[in-house]
Structure formats: structure tokens, C-alpha cells
Amino acid sequence: MCKTAKEIWEKLIQLCEDNEQTKENKLSVAVQKFDNIKMKTGESMNGYDERVSSIINELNSLGKVYSNKEVVLKVVRGFPKEWDVKTMTMRESKDLNKVKLHDLFADLKAYEFELQTR
């Protein structure tokens, strides 16, 4: 239906780019996902890591950036009760405010592997 190259270009931009309301809605949903993230029963540490990373990447792409401290504390609070002993040990032995997210997950994946091999 477009008659000029300019109309075609404007239509393509409209189709490919989200408008401000859509961006705000996506951001709102992503923030809600982050706020509600918890490790699911029976979920592996790899699965939880992937879900967290996916949400963080989505938030970053929408312009919302959480500090490493906020992310690490949110992730640790999302563990089920069976991880309480490990997380309490980590809190006592490390300053979780300074631990990088990938280091946290690396430590937890090693612990999970150790538990599975027993």
C-alpha cells in the first residue's frame, strides 16, 4: 500500500521498532520476572543460572541495569530451603556484596556436582 520509498521506510521502522508504551510494558514484565525469580523445585543450578542470565540480559537490553550486589543477593534469596546450609556458609565465608554472579554460580555448580556424585 505504500507509494513512496519514504512511506515504505516509515512502515518498516514502525514494524521493527517498539513504541514507547510497548517498551515500558516489556520493561515492567522483565522487572516483575526479576522480582519474582526463585529456583524451582528440582531445577539444576545450570537451569537457574540460564534463567537468571536471560532475565538480566532482557533487562539490560531494555535499559534497566541492576548492580552486581543487587543481582547476587536476589539470586541467593531465591534458593529453596535445601540450599540454606550452603548459602549460609557462603554468607559467612564471603562478602556476597563483592562476589561476581558468575563466580557465585560456579561455586554453586561445583557444590551441586559434588552432592550428585555422592
PDB file of N, CA and C in Angstrom:
ATOM      1  N   MET A   1       0.800  -1.204   0.000  1.00  0.00           N
ATOM      2  CA  MET A   1       0.000   0.000   0.000  1.00  0.00           C
ATOM      3  C   MET A   1       0.841   1.266   0.000  1.00  0.00           C
ATOM      4  N   CYS A   2       2.098   1.142   0.366  1.00  0.00           N
ATOM      5  CA  CYS A   2       2.976   2.312   0.396  1.00  0.00           C
ATOM      6  C   CYS A   2       3.310   2.715  -1.034  1.00  0.00           C
ATOM      7  N   LYS A   3       3.298   4.019  -1.260  1.00  0.00           N
ATOM      8  CA  LYS A   3       3.523   4.520  -2.613  1.00  0.00           C
ATOM      9  C   LYS A   3       4.923   5.073  -2.821  1.00  0.00           C
ATOM     10  N   THR A   4       5.575   5.498  -1.733  1.00  0.00           N
ATOM     11  CA  THR A   4       6.908   6.070  -1.880  1.00  0.00           C
ATOM     12  C   THR A   4       7.899   5.285  -1.014  1.00  0.00           C
ATOM     13  N   ALA A   5       9.171   5.466  -1.340  1.00  0.00           N
ATOM     14  CA  ALA A   5      10.224   4.818  -0.548  1.00  0.00           C
ATOM     15  C   ALA A   5      10.166   5.294   0.899  1.00  0.00           C
ATOM     16  N   LYS A   6       9.840   6.569   1.096  1.00  0.00           N
ATOM     17  CA  LYS A   6       9.730   7.125   2.451  1.00  0.00           C
ATOM     18  C   LYS A   6       8.613   6.432   3.232  1.00  0.00           C
ATOM     19  N   GLU A   7       7.484   6.200   2.609  1.00  0.00           N
ATOM     20  CA  GLU A   7       6.377   5.501   3.275  1.00  0.00           C
ATOM     21  C   GLU A   7       6.770   4.068   3.617  1.00  0.00           C
ATOM     22  N   ILE A   8       7.468   3.421   2.706  1.00  0.00           N
ATOM     23  CA  ILE A   8       7.939   2.046   2.961  1.00  0.00           C
ATOM     24  C   ILE A   8       8.892   2.040   4.152  1.00  0.00           C
ATOM     25  N   TRP A   9       9.833   2.978   4.151  1.00  0.00           N
ATOM     26  CA  TRP A   9      10.805   3.069   5.242  1.00  0.00           C
ATOM     27  C   TRP A   9      10.110   3.319   6.580  1.00  0.00           C
ATOM     28  N   GLU A  10       9.171   4.238   6.627  1.00  0.00           N
ATOM     29  CA  GLU A  10       8.448   4.535   7.862  1.00  0.00           C
ATOM     30  C   GLU A  10       7.647   3.332   8.345  1.00  0.00           C
ATOM     31  N   LYS A  11       7.070   2.592   7.411  1.00  0.00           N
ATOM     32  CA  LYS A  11       6.314   1.392   7.774  1.00  0.00           C
ATOM     33  C   LYS A  11       7.240   0.320   8.341  1.00  0.00           C
ATOM     34  N   LEU A  12       8.417   0.163   7.741  1.00  0.00           N
ATOM     35  CA  LEU A  12       9.399  -0.799   8.246  1.00  0.00           C
ATOM     36  C   LEU A  12       9.862  -0.438   9.653  1.00  0.00           C
ATOM     37  N   ILE A  13      10.115   0.829   9.865  1.00  0.00           N
ATOM     38  CA  ILE A  13      10.506   1.279  11.208  1.00  0.00           C
ATOM     39  C   ILE A  13       9.393   0.990  12.206  1.00  0.00           C
ATOM     40  N   GLN A  14       8.183   1.266  11.828  1.00  0.00           N
ATOM     41  CA  GLN A  14       7.030   1.029  12.698  1.00  0.00           C
ATOM     42  C   GLN A  14       6.900  -0.456  13.025  1.00  0.00           C
ATOM     43  N   LEU A  15       7.136  -1.319  12.047  1.00  0.00           N
ATOM     44  CA  LEU A  15       7.015  -2.756  12.259  1.00  0.00           C
ATOM     45  C   LEU A  15       8.160  -3.326  13.090  1.00  0.00           C
ATOM     46  N   CYS A  16       9.360  -2.777  12.921  1.00  0.00           N
ATOM     47  CA  CYS A  16      10.545  -3.339  13.561  1.00  0.00           C
ATOM     48  C   CYS A  16      10.864  -2.752  14.928  1.00  0.00           C
ATOM     49  N   GLU A  17      10.497  -1.528  15.148  1.00  0.00           N
ATOM     50  CA  GLU A  17      10.787  -0.880  16.418  1.00  0.00           C
ATOM     51  C   GLU A  17       9.539  -0.853  17.291  1.00  0.00           C
ATOM     52  N   ASP A  18       9.776  -1.062  18.573  1.00  0.00           N
ATOM     53  CA  ASP A  18       8.671  -0.963  19.522  1.00  0.00           C
ATOM     54  C   ASP A  18       8.410   0.502  19.836  1.00  0.00           C
ATOM     55  N   ASN A  19       7.154   0.810  20.086  1.00  0.00           N
ATOM     56  CA  ASN A  19       6.863   2.171  20.521  1.00  0.00           C
ATOM     57  C   ASN A  19       7.144   2.273  22.023  1.00  0.00           C
ATOM     58  N   GLU A  20       7.079   3.458  22.565  1.00  0.00           N
ATOM     59  CA  GLU A  20       7.430   3.679  23.969  1.00  0.00           C
ATOM     60  C   GLU A  20       6.554   2.875  24.923  1.00  0.00           C
ATOM     61  N   GLN A  21       5.270   2.767  24.634  1.00  0.00           N
ATOM     62  CA  GLN A  21       4.373   2.019  25.512  1.00  0.00           C
ATOM     63  C   GLN A  21       4.753   0.543  25.523  1.00  0.00           C
ATOM     64  N   THR A  22       5.084  -0.004  24.370  1.00  0.00           N
ATOM     65  CA  THR A  22       5.489  -1.404  24.296  1.00  0.00           C
ATOM     66  C   THR A  22       6.780  -1.621  25.075  1.00  0.00           C
ATOM     67  N   LYS A  23       7.737  -0.703  24.934  1.00  0.00           N
ATOM     68  CA  LYS A  23       8.999  -0.802  25.675  1.00  0.00           C
ATOM     69  C   LYS A  23       8.751  -0.756  27.179  1.00  0.00           C
ATOM     70  N   GLU A  24       7.890   0.141  27.607  1.00  0.00           N
ATOM     71  CA  GLU A  24       7.569   0.248  29.034  1.00  0.00           C
ATOM     72  C   GLU A  24       6.901  -1.022  29.547  1.00  0.00           C
ATOM     73  N   ASN A  25       6.004  -1.595  28.745  1.00  0.00           N
ATOM     74  CA  ASN A  25       5.348  -2.838  29.142  1.00  0.00           C
ATOM     75  C   ASN A  25       6.346  -3.981  29.248  1.00  0.00           C
ATOM     76  N   LYS A  26       7.251  -4.073  28.269  1.00  0.00           N
ATOM     77  CA  LYS A  26       8.273  -5.126  28.303  1.00  0.00           C
ATOM     78  C   LYS A  26       9.170  -4.962  29.526  1.00  0.00           C
ATOM     79  N   LEU A  27       9.548  -3.724  29.823  1.00  0.00           N
ATOM     80  CA  LEU A  27      10.383  -3.458  30.989  1.00  0.00           C
ATOM     81  C   LEU A  27       9.656  -3.825  32.277  1.00  0.00           C
ATOM     82  N   SER A  28       8.405  -3.480  32.355  1.00  0.00           N
ATOM     83  CA  SER A  28       7.603  -3.801  33.534  1.00  0.00           C
ATOM     84  C   SER A  28       7.529  -5.312  33.758  1.00  0.00           C
ATOM     85  N   VAL A  29       7.315  -6.053  32.684  1.00  0.00           N
ATOM     86  CA  VAL A  29       7.245  -7.517  32.780  1.00  0.00           C
ATOM     87  C   VAL A  29       8.605  -8.088  33.186  1.00  0.00           C
ATOM     88  N   ALA A  30       9.683  -7.570  32.602  1.00  0.00           N
ATOM     89  CA  ALA A  30      11.025  -8.063  32.921  1.00  0.00           C
ATOM     90  C   ALA A  30      11.387  -7.775  34.380  1.00  0.00           C
ATOM     91  N   VAL A  31      11.038  -6.591  34.874  1.00  0.00           N
ATOM     92  CA  VAL A  31      11.297  -6.250  36.278  1.00  0.00           C
ATOM     93  C   VAL A  31      10.504  -7.177  37.192  1.00  0.00           C
ATOM     94  N   GLN A  32       9.272  -7.467  36.811  1.00  0.00           N
ATOM     95  CA  GLN A  32       8.450  -8.383  37.609  1.00  0.00           C
ATOM     96  C   GLN A  32       9.062  -9.788  37.618  1.00  0.00           C
ATOM     97  N   LYS A  33       9.579 -10.239  36.474  1.00  0.00           N
ATOM     98  CA  LYS A  33      10.259 -11.544  36.421  1.00  0.00           C
ATOM     99  C   LYS A  33      11.443 -11.558  37.375  1.00  0.00           C
ATOM    100  N   PHE A  34      12.227 -10.477  37.356  1.00  0.00           N
ATOM    101  CA  PHE A  34      13.389 -10.383  38.238  1.00  0.00           C
ATOM    102  C   PHE A  34      12.959 -10.388  39.708  1.00  0.00           C
ATOM    103  N   ASP A  35      11.947  -9.616  40.024  1.00  0.00           N
ATOM    104  CA  ASP A  35      11.473  -9.530  41.406  1.00  0.00           C
ATOM    105  C   ASP A  35      10.979 -10.876  41.927  1.00  0.00           C
ATOM    106  N   ASN A  36      10.410 -11.687  41.047  1.00  0.00           N
ATOM    107  CA  ASN A  36       9.798 -12.944  41.463  1.00  0.00           C
ATOM    108  C   ASN A  36      10.672 -14.175  41.220  1.00  0.00           C
ATOM    109  N   ILE A  37      11.900 -13.983  40.766  1.00  0.00           N
ATOM    110  CA  ILE A  37      12.714 -15.141  40.414  1.00  0.00           C
ATOM    111  C   ILE A  37      13.085 -15.959  41.643  1.00  0.00           C
ATOM    112  N   LYS A  38      12.857 -17.231  41.518  1.00  0.00           N
ATOM    113  CA  LYS A  38      13.209 -18.202  42.552  1.00  0.00           C
ATOM    114  C   LYS A  38      13.606 -19.479  41.838  1.00  0.00           C
ATOM    115  N   MET A  39      14.494 -20.219  42.459  1.00  0.00           N
ATOM    116  CA  MET A  39      14.890 -21.503  41.903  1.00  0.00           C
ATOM    117  C   MET A  39      13.723 -22.469  42.067  1.00  0.00           C
ATOM    118  N   LYS A  40      13.388 -23.157  40.992  1.00  0.00           N
ATOM    119  CA  LYS A  40      12.261 -24.076  41.014  1.00  0.00           C
ATOM    120  C   LYS A  40      12.661 -25.398  41.652  1.00  0.00           C
ATOM    121  N   THR A  41      11.707 -26.072  42.244  1.00  0.00           N
ATOM    122  CA  THR A  41      11.952 -27.377  42.828  1.00  0.00           C
ATOM    123  C   THR A  41      12.463 -28.329  41.754  1.00  0.00           C
ATOM    124  N   GLY A  42      13.584 -28.972  42.024  1.00  0.00           N
ATOM    125  CA  GLY A  42      14.162 -29.917  41.079  1.00  0.00           C
ATOM    126  C   GLY A  42      14.962 -29.278  39.961  1.00  0.00           C
ATOM    127  N   GLU A  43      15.039 -27.956  39.931  1.00  0.00           N
ATOM    128  CA  GLU A  43      15.779 -27.272  38.879  1.00  0.00           C
ATOM    129  C   GLU A  43      17.283 -27.380  39.150  1.00  0.00           C
ATOM    130  N   SER A  44      18.049 -27.580  38.102  1.00  0.00           N
ATOM    131  CA  SER A  44      19.503 -27.638  38.247  1.00  0.00           C
ATOM    132  C   SER A  44      20.054 -26.223  38.400  1.00  0.00           C
ATOM    133  N   MET A  45      21.271 -26.154  38.907  1.00  0.00           N
ATOM    134  CA  MET A  45      21.919 -24.857  39.046  1.00  0.00           C
ATOM    135  C   MET A  45      22.159 -24.246  37.665  1.00  0.00           C
ATOM    136  N   ASN A  46      22.452 -25.101  36.669  1.00  0.00           N
ATOM    137  CA  ASN A  46      22.617 -24.604  35.298  1.00  0.00           C
ATOM    138  C   ASN A  46      21.328 -23.964  34.794  1.00  0.00           C
ATOM    139  N   GLY A  47      20.205 -24.625  35.049  1.00  0.00           N
ATOM    140  CA  GLY A  47      18.913 -24.092  34.622  1.00  0.00           C
ATOM    141  C   GLY A  47      18.594 -22.766  35.278  1.00  0.00           C
ATOM    142  N   TYR A  48      18.859 -22.681  36.578  1.00  0.00           N
ATOM    143  CA  TYR A  48      18.611 -21.447  37.313  1.00  0.00           C
ATOM    144  C   TYR A  48      19.528 -20.334  36.798  1.00  0.00           C
ATOM    145  N   ASP A  49      20.793 -20.667  36.572  1.00  0.00           N
ATOM    146  CA  ASP A  49      21.757 -19.710  36.035  1.00  0.00           C
ATOM    147  C   ASP A  49      21.287 -19.176  34.681  1.00  0.00           C
ATOM    148  N   GLU A  50      20.826 -20.060  33.824  1.00  0.00           N
ATOM    149  CA  GLU A  50      20.353 -19.646  32.498  1.00  0.00           C
ATOM    150  C   GLU A  50      19.134 -18.728  32.594  1.00  0.00           C
ATOM    151  N   ARG A  51      18.202 -19.065  33.490  1.00  0.00           N
ATOM    152  CA  ARG A  51      17.014 -18.216  33.647  1.00  0.00           C
ATOM    153  C   ARG A  51      17.390 -16.837  34.171  1.00  0.00           C
ATOM    154  N   VAL A  52      18.261 -16.796  35.171  1.00  0.00           N
ATOM    155  CA  VAL A  52      18.695 -15.517  35.734  1.00  0.00           C
ATOM    156  C   VAL A  52      19.402 -14.690  34.665  1.00  0.00           C
ATOM    157  N   SER A  53      20.328 -15.321  33.947  1.00  0.00           N
ATOM    158  CA  SER A  53      21.076 -14.610  32.897  1.00  0.00           C
ATOM    159  C   SER A  53      20.147 -14.074  31.821  1.00  0.00           C
ATOM    160  N   SER A  54      19.167 -14.860  31.452  1.00  0.00           N
ATOM    161  CA  SER A  54      18.213 -14.439  30.432  1.00  0.00           C
ATOM    162  C   SER A  54      17.440 -13.197  30.881  1.00  0.00           C
ATOM    163  N   ILE A  55      17.001 -13.201  32.118  1.00  0.00           N
ATOM    164  CA  ILE A  55      16.248 -12.056  32.646  1.00  0.00           C
ATOM    165  C   ILE A  55      17.151 -10.829  32.754  1.00  0.00           C
ATOM    166  N   ILE A  56      18.375 -11.013  33.231  1.00  0.00           N
ATOM    167  CA  ILE A  56      19.316  -9.894  33.356  1.00  0.00           C
ATOM    168  C   ILE A  56      19.619  -9.310  31.980  1.00  0.00           C
ATOM    169  N   ASN A  57      19.836 -10.174  30.986  1.00  0.00           N
ATOM    170  CA  ASN A  57      20.102  -9.697  29.622  1.00  0.00           C
ATOM    171  C   ASN A  57      18.904  -8.942  29.060  1.00  0.00           C
ATOM    172  N   GLU A  58      17.714  -9.449  29.326  1.00  0.00           N
ATOM    173  CA  GLU A  58      16.496  -8.776  28.866  1.00  0.00           C
ATOM    174  C   GLU A  58      16.385  -7.394  29.499  1.00  0.00           C
ATOM    175  N   LEU A  59      16.623  -7.321  30.804  1.00  0.00           N
ATOM    176  CA  LEU A  59      16.570  -6.032  31.497  1.00  0.00           C
ATOM    177  C   LEU A  59      17.611  -5.058  30.945  1.00  0.00           C
ATOM    178  N   ASN A  60      18.829  -5.560  30.742  1.00  0.00           N
ATOM    179  CA  ASN A  60      19.896  -4.700  30.205  1.00  0.00           C
ATOM    180  C   ASN A  60      19.528  -4.159  28.833  1.00  0.00           C
ATOM    181  N   SER A  61      18.944  -5.018  27.993  1.00  0.00           N
ATOM    182  CA  SER A  61      18.576  -4.576  26.643  1.00  0.00           C
ATOM    183  C   SER A  61      17.464  -3.530  26.672  1.00  0.00           C
ATOM    184  N   LEU A  62      16.696  -3.514  27.749  1.00  0.00           N
ATOM    185  CA  LEU A  62      15.618  -2.533  27.900  1.00  0.00           C
ATOM    186  C   LEU A  62      16.067  -1.297  28.688  1.00  0.00           C
ATOM    187  N   GLY A  63      17.351  -1.275  29.050  1.00  0.00           N
ATOM    188  CA  GLY A  63      17.898  -0.102  29.717  1.00  0.00           C
ATOM    189  C   GLY A  63      17.861  -0.140  31.232  1.00  0.00           C
ATOM    190  N   LYS A  64      17.449  -1.257  31.805  1.00  0.00           N
ATOM    191  CA  LYS A  64      17.406  -1.380  33.269  1.00  0.00           C
ATOM    192  C   LYS A  64      18.610  -2.212  33.709  1.00  0.00           C
ATOM    193  N   VAL A  65      19.496  -1.594  34.477  1.00  0.00           N
ATOM    194  CA  VAL A  65      20.704  -2.273  34.912  1.00  0.00           C
ATOM    195  C   VAL A  65      20.721  -2.335  36.434  1.00  0.00           C
ATOM    196  N   TYR A  66      20.801  -3.557  36.957  1.00  0.00           N
ATOM    197  CA  TYR A  66      20.934  -3.760  38.395  1.00  0.00           C
ATOM    198  C   TYR A  66      22.412  -3.915  38.720  1.00  0.00           C
ATOM    199  N   SER A  67      22.798  -3.502  39.906  1.00  0.00           N
ATOM    200  CA  SER A  67      24.187  -3.689  40.324  1.00  0.00           C
ATOM    201  C   SER A  67      24.423  -5.175  40.575  1.00  0.00           C
ATOM    202  N   ASN A  68      25.682  -5.565  40.523  1.00  0.00           N
ATOM    203  CA  ASN A  68      26.047  -6.952  40.791  1.00  0.00           C
ATOM    204  C   ASN A  68      25.551  -7.366  42.176  1.00  0.00           C
ATOM    205  N   LYS A  69      25.694  -6.485  43.139  1.00  0.00           N
ATOM    206  CA  LYS A  69      25.257  -6.747  44.511  1.00  0.00           C
ATOM    207  C   LYS A  69      23.761  -7.070  44.555  1.00  0.00           C
ATOM    208  N   GLU A  70      22.958  -6.262  43.880  1.00  0.00           N
ATOM    209  CA  GLU A  70      21.508  -6.488  43.865  1.00  0.00           C
ATOM    210  C   GLU A  70      21.174  -7.846  43.242  1.00  0.00           C
ATOM    211  N   VAL A  71      21.843  -8.173  42.159  1.00  0.00           N
ATOM    212  CA  VAL A  71      21.572  -9.438  41.467  1.00  0.00           C
ATOM    213  C   VAL A  71      21.981 -10.619  42.329  1.00  0.00           C
ATOM    214  N   VAL A  72      23.189 -10.571  42.900  1.00  0.00           N
ATOM    215  CA  VAL A  72      23.680 -11.687  43.724  1.00  0.00           C
ATOM    216  C   VAL A  72      22.759 -11.913  44.920  1.00  0.00           C
ATOM    217  N   LEU A  73      22.399 -10.855  45.602  1.00  0.00           N
ATOM    218  CA  LEU A  73      21.526 -11.008  46.772  1.00  0.00           C
ATOM    219  C   LEU A  73      20.147 -11.541  46.370  1.00  0.00           C
ATOM    220  N   LYS A  74      19.634 -11.089  45.244  1.00  0.00           N
ATOM    221  CA  LYS A  74      18.339 -11.575  44.757  1.00  0.00           C
ATOM    222  C   LYS A  74      18.424 -13.059  44.426  1.00  0.00           C
ATOM    223  N   VAL A  75      19.489 -13.473  43.767  1.00  0.00           N
ATOM    224  CA  VAL A  75      19.673 -14.873  43.397  1.00  0.00           C
ATOM    225  C   VAL A  75      19.767 -15.752  44.644  1.00  0.00           C
ATOM    226  N   VAL A  76      20.565 -15.325  45.612  1.00  0.00           N
ATOM    227  CA  VAL A  76      20.748 -16.111  46.837  1.00  0.00           C
ATOM    228  C   VAL A  76      19.435 -16.240  47.601  1.00  0.00           C
ATOM    229  N   ARG A  77      18.665 -15.182  47.620  1.00  0.00           N
ATOM    230  CA  ARG A  77      17.371 -15.234  48.317  1.00  0.00           C
ATOM    231  C   ARG A  77      16.363 -16.122  47.607  1.00  0.00           C
ATOM    232  N   GLY A  78      16.637 -16.448  46.348  1.00  0.00           N
ATOM    233  CA  GLY A  78      15.715 -17.263  45.572  1.00  0.00           C
ATOM    234  C   GLY A  78      15.954 -18.759  45.668  1.00  0.00           C
ATOM    235  N   PHE A  79      16.934 -19.167  46.465  1.00  0.00           N
ATOM    236  CA  PHE A  79      17.196 -20.598  46.603  1.00  0.00           C
ATOM    237  C   PHE A  79      16.166 -21.263  47.510  1.00  0.00           C
ATOM    238  N   PRO A  80      15.842 -22.522  47.219  1.00  0.00           N
ATOM    239  CA  PRO A  80      14.934 -23.258  48.108  1.00  0.00           C
ATOM    240  C   PRO A  80      15.622 -23.599  49.433  1.00  0.00           C
ATOM    241  N   LYS A  81      14.837 -24.061  50.389  1.00  0.00           N
ATOM    242  CA  LYS A  81      15.342 -24.340  51.737  1.00  0.00           C
ATOM    243  C   LYS A  81      16.499 -25.329  51.762  1.00  0.00           C
ATOM    244  N   GLU A  82      16.507 -26.302  50.847  1.00  0.00           N
ATOM    245  CA  GLU A  82      17.578 -27.294  50.869  1.00  0.00           C
ATOM    246  C   GLU A  82      18.959 -26.703  50.571  1.00  0.00           C
ATOM    247  N   TRP A  83      18.995 -25.472  50.102  1.00  0.00           N
ATOM    248  CA  TRP A  83      20.260 -24.792  49.845  1.00  0.00           C
ATOM    249  C   TRP A  83      20.648 -23.860  50.991  1.00  0.00           C
ATOM    250  N   ASP A  84      19.851 -23.807  52.059  1.00  0.00           N
ATOM    251  CA  ASP A  84      20.108 -22.882  53.165  1.00  0.00           C
ATOM    252  C   ASP A  84      21.489 -23.062  53.791  1.00  0.00           C
ATOM    253  N   VAL A  85      21.899 -24.297  54.020  1.00  0.00           N
ATOM    254  CA  VAL A  85      23.189 -24.541  54.660  1.00  0.00           C
ATOM    255  C   VAL A  85      24.319 -23.974  53.799  1.00  0.00           C
ATOM    256  N   LYS A  86      24.268 -24.253  52.504  1.00  0.00           N
ATOM    257  CA  LYS A  86      25.317 -23.764  51.602  1.00  0.00           C
ATOM    258  C   LYS A  86      25.311 -22.242  51.525  1.00  0.00           C
ATOM    259  N   THR A  87      24.154 -21.641  51.390  1.00  0.00           N
ATOM    260  CA  THR A  87      24.113 -20.185  51.268  1.00  0.00           C
ATOM    261  C   THR A  87      24.527 -19.500  52.574  1.00  0.00           C
ATOM    262  N   MET A  88      24.168 -20.093  53.689  1.00  0.00           N
ATOM    263  CA  MET A  88      24.597 -19.527  54.973  1.00  0.00           C
ATOM    264  C   MET A  88      26.113 -19.616  55.115  1.00  0.00           C
ATOM    265  N   THR A  89      26.680 -20.742  54.694  1.00  0.00           N
ATOM    266  CA  THR A  89      28.133 -20.898  54.728  1.00  0.00           C
ATOM    267  C   THR A  89      28.797 -19.869  53.835  1.00  0.00           C
ATOM    268  N   MET A  90      28.231 -19.661  52.654  1.00  0.00           N
ATOM    269  CA  MET A  90      28.788 -18.675  51.731  1.00  0.00           C
ATOM    270  C   MET A  90      28.697 -17.267  52.313  1.00  0.00           C
ATOM    271  N   ARG A  91      27.599 -16.967  52.942  1.00  0.00           N
ATOM    272  CA  ARG A  91      27.435 -15.630  53.523  1.00  0.00           C
ATOM    273  C   ARG A  91      28.464 -15.375  54.621  1.00  0.00           C
ATOM    274  N   GLU A  92      28.780 -16.427  55.383  1.00  0.00           N
ATOM    275  CA  GLU A  92      29.744 -16.274  56.466  1.00  0.00           C
ATOM    276  C   GLU A  92      31.186 -16.218  55.964  1.00  0.00           C
ATOM    277  N   SER A  93      31.479 -16.950  54.897  1.00  0.00           N
ATOM    278  CA  SER A  93      32.863 -17.032  54.438  1.00  0.00           C
ATOM    279  C   SER A  93      33.207 -15.996  53.365  1.00  0.00           C
ATOM    280  N   LYS A  94      32.217 -15.450  52.693  1.00  0.00           N
ATOM    281  CA  LYS A  94      32.466 -14.496  51.611  1.00  0.00           C
ATOM    282  C   LYS A  94      31.618 -13.255  51.820  1.00  0.00           C
ATOM    283  N   ASP A  95      32.079 -12.184  51.268  1.00  0.00           N
ATOM    284  CA  ASP A  95      31.278 -10.964  51.252  1.00  0.00           C
ATOM    285  C   ASP A  95      30.445 -11.007  49.976  1.00  0.00           C
ATOM    286  N   LEU A  96      29.177 -11.381  50.105  1.00  0.00           N
ATOM    287  CA  LEU A  96      28.318 -11.536  48.932  1.00  0.00           C
ATOM    288  C   LEU A  96      28.134 -10.229  48.168  1.00  0.00           C
ATOM    289  N   ASN A  97      28.442  -9.120  48.816  1.00  0.00           N
ATOM    290  CA  ASN A  97      28.352  -7.835  48.124  1.00  0.00           C
ATOM    291  C   ASN A  97      29.450  -7.684  47.073  1.00  0.00           C
ATOM    292  N   LYS A  98      30.516  -8.471  47.217  1.00  0.00           N
ATOM    293  CA  LYS A  98      31.656  -8.355  46.301  1.00  0.00           C
ATOM    294  C   LYS A  98      31.791  -9.545  45.357  1.00  0.00           C
ATOM    295  N   VAL A  99      31.014 -10.577  45.567  1.00  0.00           N
ATOM    296  CA  VAL A  99      31.094 -11.775  44.725  1.00  0.00           C
ATOM    297  C   VAL A  99      30.439 -11.495  43.378  1.00  0.00           C
ATOM    298  N   LYS A 100      31.118 -11.866  42.306  1.00  0.00           N
ATOM    299  CA  LYS A 100      30.553 -11.738  40.957  1.00  0.00           C
ATOM    300  C   LYS A 100      29.547 -12.860  40.737  1.00  0.00           C
ATOM    301  N   LEU A 101      28.523 -12.574  39.973  1.00  0.00           N
ATOM    302  CA  LEU A 101      27.453 -13.543  39.736  1.00  0.00           C
ATOM    303  C   LEU A 101      27.989 -14.837  39.132  1.00  0.00           C
ATOM    304  N   HIS A 102      28.886 -14.737  38.142  1.00  0.00           N
ATOM    305  CA  HIS A 102      29.402 -15.959  37.524  1.00  0.00           C
ATOM    306  C   HIS A 102      30.228 -16.782  38.514  1.00  0.00           C
ATOM    307  N   ASP A 103      30.939 -16.115  39.444  1.00  0.00           N
ATOM    308  CA  ASP A 103      31.700 -16.838  40.471  1.00  0.00           C
ATOM    309  C   ASP A 103      30.757 -17.532  41.449  1.00  0.00           C
ATOM    310  N   LEU A 104      29.673 -16.869  41.789  1.00  0.00           N
ATOM    311  CA  LEU A 104      28.669 -17.463  42.677  1.00  0.00           C
ATOM    312  C   LEU A 104      28.108 -18.736  42.062  1.00  0.00           C
ATOM    313  N   PHE A 105      27.691 -18.657  40.795  1.00  0.00           N
ATOM    314  CA  PHE A 105      27.122 -19.831  40.140  1.00  0.00           C
ATOM    315  C   PHE A 105      28.172 -20.925  39.942  1.00  0.00           C
ATOM    316  N   ALA A 106      29.414 -20.554  39.663  1.00  0.00           N
ATOM    317  CA  ALA A 106      30.476 -21.559  39.508  1.00  0.00           C
ATOM    318  C   ALA A 106      30.659 -22.345  40.804  1.00  0.00           C
ATOM    319  N   ASP A 107      30.671 -21.641  41.918  1.00  0.00           N
ATOM    320  CA  ASP A 107      30.806 -22.286  43.229  1.00  0.00           C
ATOM    321  C   ASP A 107      29.613 -23.199  43.512  1.00  0.00           C
ATOM    322  N   LEU A 108      28.427 -22.711  43.213  1.00  0.00           N
ATOM    323  CA  LEU A 108      27.219 -23.499  43.481  1.00  0.00           C
ATOM    324  C   LEU A 108      27.101 -24.704  42.548  1.00  0.00           C
ATOM    325  N   LYS A 109      27.527 -24.563  41.316  1.00  0.00           N
ATOM    326  CA  LYS A 109      27.502 -25.697  40.381  1.00  0.00           C
ATOM    327  C   LYS A 109      28.481 -26.777  40.835  1.00  0.00           C
ATOM    328  N   ALA A 110      29.638 -26.366  41.332  1.00  0.00           N
ATOM    329  CA  ALA A 110      30.612 -27.328  41.846  1.00  0.00           C
ATOM    330  C   ALA A 110      30.043 -28.064  43.053  1.00  0.00           C
ATOM    331  N   TYR A 111      29.381 -27.337  43.927  1.00  0.00           N
ATOM    332  CA  TYR A 111      28.756 -27.942  45.101  1.00  0.00           C
ATOM    333  C   TYR A 111      27.644 -28.903  44.685  1.00  0.00           C
ATOM    334  N   GLU A 112      26.831 -28.493  43.732  1.00  0.00           N
ATOM    335  CA  GLU A 112      25.740 -29.346  43.232  1.00  0.00           C
ATOM    336  C   GLU A 112      26.325 -30.635  42.630  1.00  0.00           C
ATOM    337  N   PHE A 113      27.397 -30.518  41.860  1.00  0.00           N
ATOM    338  CA  PHE A 113      28.036 -31.684  41.259  1.00  0.00           C
ATOM    339  C   PHE A 113      28.559 -32.620  42.337  1.00  0.00           C
ATOM    340  N   GLU A 114      29.153 -32.035  43.363  1.00  0.00           N
ATOM    341  CA  GLU A 114      29.678 -32.831  44.488  1.00  0.00           C
ATOM    342  C   GLU A 114      28.552 -33.597  45.174  1.00  0.00           C
ATOM    343  N   LEU A 115      27.425 -32.952  45.376  1.00  0.00           N
ATOM    344  CA  LEU A 115      26.278 -33.613  46.003  1.00  0.00           C
ATOM    345  C   LEU A 115      25.760 -34.763  45.138  1.00  0.00           C
ATOM    346  N   GLN A 116      25.730 -34.556  43.834  1.00  0.00           N
ATOM    347  CA  GLN A 116      25.206 -35.574  42.923  1.00  0.00           C
ATOM    348  C   GLN A 116      26.116 -36.781  42.813  1.00  0.00           C
ATOM    349  N   THR A 117      27.393 -36.600  43.019  1.00  0.00           N
ATOM    350  CA  THR A 117      28.334 -37.719  42.883  1.00  0.00           C
ATOM    351  C   THR A 117      28.464 -38.538  44.159  1.00  0.00           C
ATOM    352  N   ARG A 118      27.867 -38.095  45.225  1.00  0.00           N
ATOM    353  CA  ARG A 118      27.910 -38.865  46.482  1.00  0.00           C
ATOM    354  C   ARG A 118      26.954 -40.021  46.438  1.00  0.00           C
TER     355      ARG A 118
END
